[in-house]
Amino acid sequence: MQQLFEKARTAPDFRVGRTVSQEMWKVWLEAPDEAAQEVLDRGMRKRDSYDFIGALADFSRLAEYCPAYAEGFNQRAYIHFLTENYAQALEDLDIALSLQPDHVAAQSGRGLTLLKLGRIEEARKQMLIAVENNPWLSEATLLAKGAPLGPVGEDI
């Protein structure tokens, strides 16, 4: 994964940077075995069709079946985020990051969740870490001058 972070940091333009981001997702979305992959894929299909209850059940099953697989917790956190259950999202993101500390999507998701919880300074610090690992994240715009996580004292 460190090679992908370096490729993202040195990408010459948006197109190359987004391609590297997609490569990162390929790594995270590769489940430990075929059964886990089936549950992950099914949960993502349910999520994409707004069946958050079904997706949550699948991602919970995945987290229980593969407790060392960070993406199960990251996907479950995303469902909690989408349903505005931010405290539970944060809990799952913390688990995902304890399993895979460099999981950029979990890092940025954690930053967004902290922002929703009004924990601005923590959110800023977390998002800076995520953007350091992948400067092509769309969430990087939240760190711009005048943005919600922009530099302190430069918000006007």
C-alpha atoms as a PDB file:
ATOM      1  CA  MET A   1       0.000   0.000   0.000  1.00  0.00           C
ATOM      2  CA  GLN A   2       2.903   2.361   0.675  1.00  0.00           C
ATOM      3  CA  GLN A   3       3.770   2.206  -3.038  1.00  0.00           C
ATOM      4  CA  LEU A   4       0.259   3.369  -3.900  1.00  0.00           C
ATOM      5  CA  PHE A   5       0.522   6.267  -1.427  1.00  0.00           C
ATOM      6  CA  GLU A   6       3.772   7.323  -3.073  1.00  0.00           C
ATOM      7  CA  LYS A   7       2.185   7.053  -6.532  1.00  0.00           C
ATOM      8  CA  ALA A   8      -0.711   9.224  -5.326  1.00  0.00           C
ATOM      9  CA  ARG A   9       1.615  11.835  -3.817  1.00  0.00           C
ATOM     10  CA  THR A  10       3.655  12.090  -7.015  1.00  0.00           C
ATOM     11  CA  ALA A  11       0.800  11.862  -9.519  1.00  0.00           C
ATOM     12  CA  PRO A  12       1.210  14.696 -12.014  1.00  0.00           C
ATOM     13  CA  ASP A  13      -2.497  15.385 -12.520  1.00  0.00           C
ATOM     14  CA  PHE A  14      -6.038  14.583 -11.461  1.00  0.00           C
ATOM     15  CA  ARG A  15      -6.499  11.768 -13.974  1.00  0.00           C
ATOM     16  CA  VAL A  16      -3.461   9.864 -12.753  1.00  0.00           C
ATOM     17  CA  GLY A  17      -4.279  10.620  -9.121  1.00  0.00           C
ATOM     18  CA  ARG A  18      -7.824   9.264  -9.442  1.00  0.00           C
ATOM     19  CA  THR A  19      -6.501   6.142 -11.176  1.00  0.00           C
ATOM     20  CA  VAL A  20      -4.228   5.516  -8.188  1.00  0.00           C
ATOM     21  CA  SER A  21      -7.212   6.045  -5.880  1.00  0.00           C
ATOM     22  CA  GLN A  22      -9.090   3.350  -7.784  1.00  0.00           C
ATOM     23  CA  GLU A  23      -6.106   1.022  -7.363  1.00  0.00           C
ATOM     24  CA  MET A  24      -6.308   1.588  -3.603  1.00  0.00           C
ATOM     25  CA  TRP A  25      -9.971   0.600  -3.626  1.00  0.00           C
ATOM     26  CA  LYS A  26      -9.142  -2.620  -5.483  1.00  0.00           C
ATOM     27  CA  VAL A  27      -6.860  -3.566  -2.589  1.00  0.00           C
ATOM     28  CA  TRP A  28      -9.381  -2.716   0.137  1.00  0.00           C
ATOM     29  CA  LEU A  29     -12.263  -4.427  -1.642  1.00  0.00           C
ATOM     30  CA  GLU A  30     -10.464  -7.745  -1.969  1.00  0.00           C
ATOM     31  CA  ALA A  31     -12.017  -9.866   0.763  1.00  0.00           C
ATOM     32  CA  PRO A  32     -10.076 -12.637   2.526  1.00  0.00           C
ATOM     33  CA  ASP A  33     -11.988 -15.484   0.864  1.00  0.00           C
ATOM     34  CA  GLU A  34     -14.758 -16.217  -1.611  1.00  0.00           C
ATOM     35  CA  ALA A  35     -17.547 -16.333   0.980  1.00  0.00           C
ATOM     36  CA  ALA A  36     -16.482 -12.991   2.432  1.00  0.00           C
ATOM     37  CA  GLN A  37     -16.239 -11.486  -1.053  1.00  0.00           C
ATOM     38  CA  GLU A  38     -19.782 -12.598  -1.813  1.00  0.00           C
ATOM     39  CA  VAL A  39     -21.112 -10.957   1.372  1.00  0.00           C
ATOM     40  CA  LEU A  40     -19.127  -7.762   0.717  1.00  0.00           C
ATOM     41  CA  ASP A  41     -20.330  -7.509  -2.872  1.00  0.00           C
ATOM     42  CA  ARG A  42     -23.941  -8.213  -1.887  1.00  0.00           C
ATOM     43  CA  GLY A  43     -23.788  -5.587   0.864  1.00  0.00           C
ATOM     44  CA  MET A  44     -22.407  -3.027  -1.553  1.00  0.00           C
ATOM     45  CA  ARG A  45     -25.161  -3.770  -4.075  1.00  0.00           C
ATOM     46  CA  LYS A  46     -27.735  -3.286  -1.318  1.00  0.00           C
ATOM     47  CA  ARG A  47     -26.050  -0.058  -0.237  1.00  0.00           C
ATOM     48  CA  ASP A  48     -26.039   1.208  -3.819  1.00  0.00           C
ATOM     49  CA  SER A  49     -29.781   0.512  -4.079  1.00  0.00           C
ATOM     50  CA  TYR A  50     -30.419   2.310  -0.754  1.00  0.00           C
ATOM     51  CA  ASP A  51     -31.258  -0.895   1.128  1.00  0.00           C
ATOM     52  CA  PHE A  52     -29.335   0.300   4.164  1.00  0.00           C
ATOM     53  CA  ILE A  53     -30.962  -2.223   6.507  1.00  0.00           C
ATOM     54  CA  GLY A  54     -29.932  -5.110   4.264  1.00  0.00           C
ATOM     55  CA  ALA A  55     -26.464  -3.656   3.702  1.00  0.00           C
ATOM     56  CA  LEU A  56     -25.965  -3.175   7.428  1.00  0.00           C
ATOM     57  CA  ALA A  57     -26.911  -6.814   8.031  1.00  0.00           C
ATOM     58  CA  ASP A  58     -24.439  -7.996   5.393  1.00  0.00           C
ATOM     59  CA  PHE A  59     -21.595  -5.816   6.634  1.00  0.00           C
ATOM     60  CA  SER A  60     -22.272  -6.897  10.219  1.00  0.00           C
ATOM     61  CA  ARG A  61     -22.135 -10.503   9.086  1.00  0.00           C
ATOM     62  CA  LEU A  62     -18.868  -9.775   7.266  1.00  0.00           C
ATOM     63  CA  ALA A  63     -17.354  -8.093  10.337  1.00  0.00           C
ATOM     64  CA  GLU A  64     -18.303 -11.089  12.464  1.00  0.00           C
ATOM     65  CA  TYR A  65     -17.023 -13.616   9.922  1.00  0.00           C
ATOM     66  CA  CYS A  66     -13.763 -11.734   9.202  1.00  0.00           C
ATOM     67  CA  PRO A  67     -12.969  -9.689  12.318  1.00  0.00           C
ATOM     68  CA  ALA A  68      -9.484  -8.877  10.997  1.00  0.00           C
ATOM     69  CA  TYR A  69     -10.754  -7.477   7.669  1.00  0.00           C
ATOM     70  CA  ALA A  70     -10.878  -3.695   7.942  1.00  0.00           C
ATOM     71  CA  GLU A  71     -13.185  -3.139   4.975  1.00  0.00           C
ATOM     72  CA  GLY A  72     -16.089  -4.931   6.645  1.00  0.00           C
ATOM     73  CA  PHE A  73     -15.976  -2.364   9.439  1.00  0.00           C
ATOM     74  CA  ASN A  74     -15.363   0.516   7.027  1.00  0.00           C
ATOM     75  CA  GLN A  75     -18.406  -0.402   4.932  1.00  0.00           C
ATOM     76  CA  ARG A  76     -20.565  -0.844   8.020  1.00  0.00           C
ATOM     77  CA  ALA A  77     -19.351   2.555   9.240  1.00  0.00           C
ATOM     78  CA  TYR A  78     -20.407   4.073   5.925  1.00  0.00           C
ATOM     79  CA  ILE A  79     -23.927   2.734   6.368  1.00  0.00           C
ATOM     80  CA  HIS A  80     -24.023   4.181   9.890  1.00  0.00           C
ATOM     81  CA  PHE A  81     -22.796   7.507   8.477  1.00  0.00           C
ATOM     82  CA  LEU A  82     -25.448   7.516   5.749  1.00  0.00           C
ATOM     83  CA  THR A  83     -28.142   6.830   8.348  1.00  0.00           C
ATOM     84  CA  GLU A  84     -26.738   9.583  10.606  1.00  0.00           C
ATOM     85  CA  ASN A  85     -25.652   7.168  13.336  1.00  0.00           C
ATOM     86  CA  TYR A  86     -22.345   8.996  13.707  1.00  0.00           C
ATOM     87  CA  ALA A  87     -21.313   7.568  17.073  1.00  0.00           C
ATOM     88  CA  GLN A  88     -21.596   4.009  15.736  1.00  0.00           C
ATOM     89  CA  ALA A  89     -19.838   5.019  12.511  1.00  0.00           C
ATOM     90  CA  LEU A  90     -16.947   6.395  14.536  1.00  0.00           C
ATOM     91  CA  GLU A  91     -16.715   3.184  16.533  1.00  0.00           C
ATOM     92  CA  ASP A  92     -16.511   1.062  13.374  1.00  0.00           C
ATOM     93  CA  LEU A  93     -14.009   3.438  11.765  1.00  0.00           C
ATOM     94  CA  ASP A  94     -11.797   3.192  14.829  1.00  0.00           C
ATOM     95  CA  ILE A  95     -11.883  -0.599  14.518  1.00  0.00           C
ATOM     96  CA  ALA A  96     -11.096  -0.428  10.799  1.00  0.00           C
ATOM     97  CA  LEU A  97      -8.153   1.874  11.463  1.00  0.00           C
ATOM     98  CA  SER A  98      -6.864  -0.289  14.294  1.00  0.00           C
ATOM     99  CA  LEU A  99      -6.770  -3.165  11.784  1.00  0.00           C
ATOM    100  CA  GLN A 100      -5.395  -1.138   8.869  1.00  0.00           C
ATOM    101  CA  PRO A 101      -4.032   2.233  10.046  1.00  0.00           C
ATOM    102  CA  ASP A 102      -3.329   3.482   6.512  1.00  0.00           C
ATOM    103  CA  HIS A 103      -6.831   2.835   5.149  1.00  0.00           C
ATOM    104  CA  VAL A 104      -7.326   6.220   3.495  1.00  0.00           C
ATOM    105  CA  ALA A 105     -11.068   5.781   2.988  1.00  0.00           C
ATOM    106  CA  ALA A 106     -11.515   5.003   6.692  1.00  0.00           C
ATOM    107  CA  GLN A 107      -9.291   7.968   7.546  1.00  0.00           C
ATOM    108  CA  SER A 108     -11.334  10.379   5.455  1.00  0.00           C
ATOM    109  CA  GLY A 109     -14.584   8.770   6.633  1.00  0.00           C
ATOM    110  CA  ARG A 110     -13.458   9.287  10.201  1.00  0.00           C
ATOM    111  CA  GLY A 111     -12.712  12.929   9.416  1.00  0.00           C
ATOM    112  CA  LEU A 112     -16.180  13.411   7.908  1.00  0.00           C
ATOM    113  CA  THR A 113     -17.796  11.690  10.883  1.00  0.00           C
ATOM    114  CA  LEU A 114     -15.924  13.857  13.366  1.00  0.00           C
ATOM    115  CA  LEU A 115     -17.030  16.897  11.363  1.00  0.00           C
ATOM    116  CA  LYS A 116     -20.670  15.795  11.632  1.00  0.00           C
ATOM    117  CA  LEU A 117     -20.171  15.355  15.383  1.00  0.00           C
ATOM    118  CA  GLY A 118     -18.876  18.943  15.606  1.00  0.00           C
ATOM    119  CA  ARG A 119     -15.395  17.824  16.627  1.00  0.00           C
ATOM    120  CA  ILE A 120     -13.744  20.192  14.164  1.00  0.00           C
ATOM    121  CA  GLU A 121     -10.126  20.139  15.330  1.00  0.00           C
ATOM    122  CA  GLU A 122     -10.065  16.327  15.459  1.00  0.00           C
ATOM    123  CA  ALA A 123     -11.747  16.217  12.057  1.00  0.00           C
ATOM    124  CA  ARG A 124      -9.137  18.585  10.594  1.00  0.00           C
ATOM    125  CA  LYS A 125      -6.245  16.515  11.967  1.00  0.00           C
ATOM    126  CA  GLN A 126      -7.749  13.276  10.666  1.00  0.00           C
ATOM    127  CA  MET A 127      -8.461  14.712   7.223  1.00  0.00           C
ATOM    128  CA  LEU A 128      -4.926  16.092   6.963  1.00  0.00           C
ATOM    129  CA  ILE A 129      -3.606  12.563   7.547  1.00  0.00           C
ATOM    130  CA  ALA A 130      -5.908  11.137   4.871  1.00  0.00           C
ATOM    131  CA  VAL A 131      -4.953  13.813   2.342  1.00  0.00           C
ATOM    132  CA  GLU A 132      -1.271  13.299   3.108  1.00  0.00           C
ATOM    133  CA  ASN A 133      -1.728   9.659   2.086  1.00  0.00           C
ATOM    134  CA  ASN A 134      -3.838  10.505  -0.962  1.00  0.00           C
ATOM    135  CA  PRO A 135      -3.941  14.158  -2.061  1.00  0.00           C
ATOM    136  CA  TRP A 136      -6.557  13.307  -4.720  1.00  0.00           C
ATOM    137  CA  LEU A 137      -9.371  12.658  -2.257  1.00  0.00           C
ATOM    138  CA  SER A 138     -12.425  14.763  -3.018  1.00  0.00           C
ATOM    139  CA  GLU A 139     -12.614  15.495   0.731  1.00  0.00           C
ATOM    140  CA  ALA A 140      -9.397  17.538   0.392  1.00  0.00           C
ATOM    141  CA  THR A 141     -11.609  20.488  -0.564  1.00  0.00           C
ATOM    142  CA  LEU A 142     -12.812  20.564   3.056  1.00  0.00           C
ATOM    143  CA  LEU A 143      -9.298  21.681   4.054  1.00  0.00           C
ATOM    144  CA  ALA A 144      -9.201  24.708   1.748  1.00  0.00           C
ATOM    145  CA  LYS A 145      -9.187  28.247   3.043  1.00  0.00           C
ATOM    146  CA  GLY A 146     -12.748  29.136   4.073  1.00  0.00           C
ATOM    147  CA  ALA A 147     -13.908  25.502   4.050  1.00  0.00           C
ATOM    148  CA  PRO A 148     -15.254  23.744   7.173  1.00  0.00           C
ATOM    149  CA  LEU A 149     -11.860  22.197   7.994  1.00  0.00           C
ATOM    150  CA  GLY A 150      -9.754  24.985   6.540  1.00  0.00           C
ATOM    151  CA  PRO A 151      -6.888  26.663   8.347  1.00  0.00           C
ATOM    152  CA  VAL A 152      -7.821  28.135  11.709  1.00  0.00           C
ATOM    153  CA  GLY A 153      -7.987  31.922  11.660  1.00  0.00           C
ATOM    154  CA  GLU A 154      -8.210  31.970   7.875  1.00  0.00           C
ATOM    155  CA  ASP A 155     -11.884  31.089   7.562  1.00  0.00           C
ATOM    156  CA  ILE A 156     -13.032  34.483   6.293  1.00  0.00           C
END
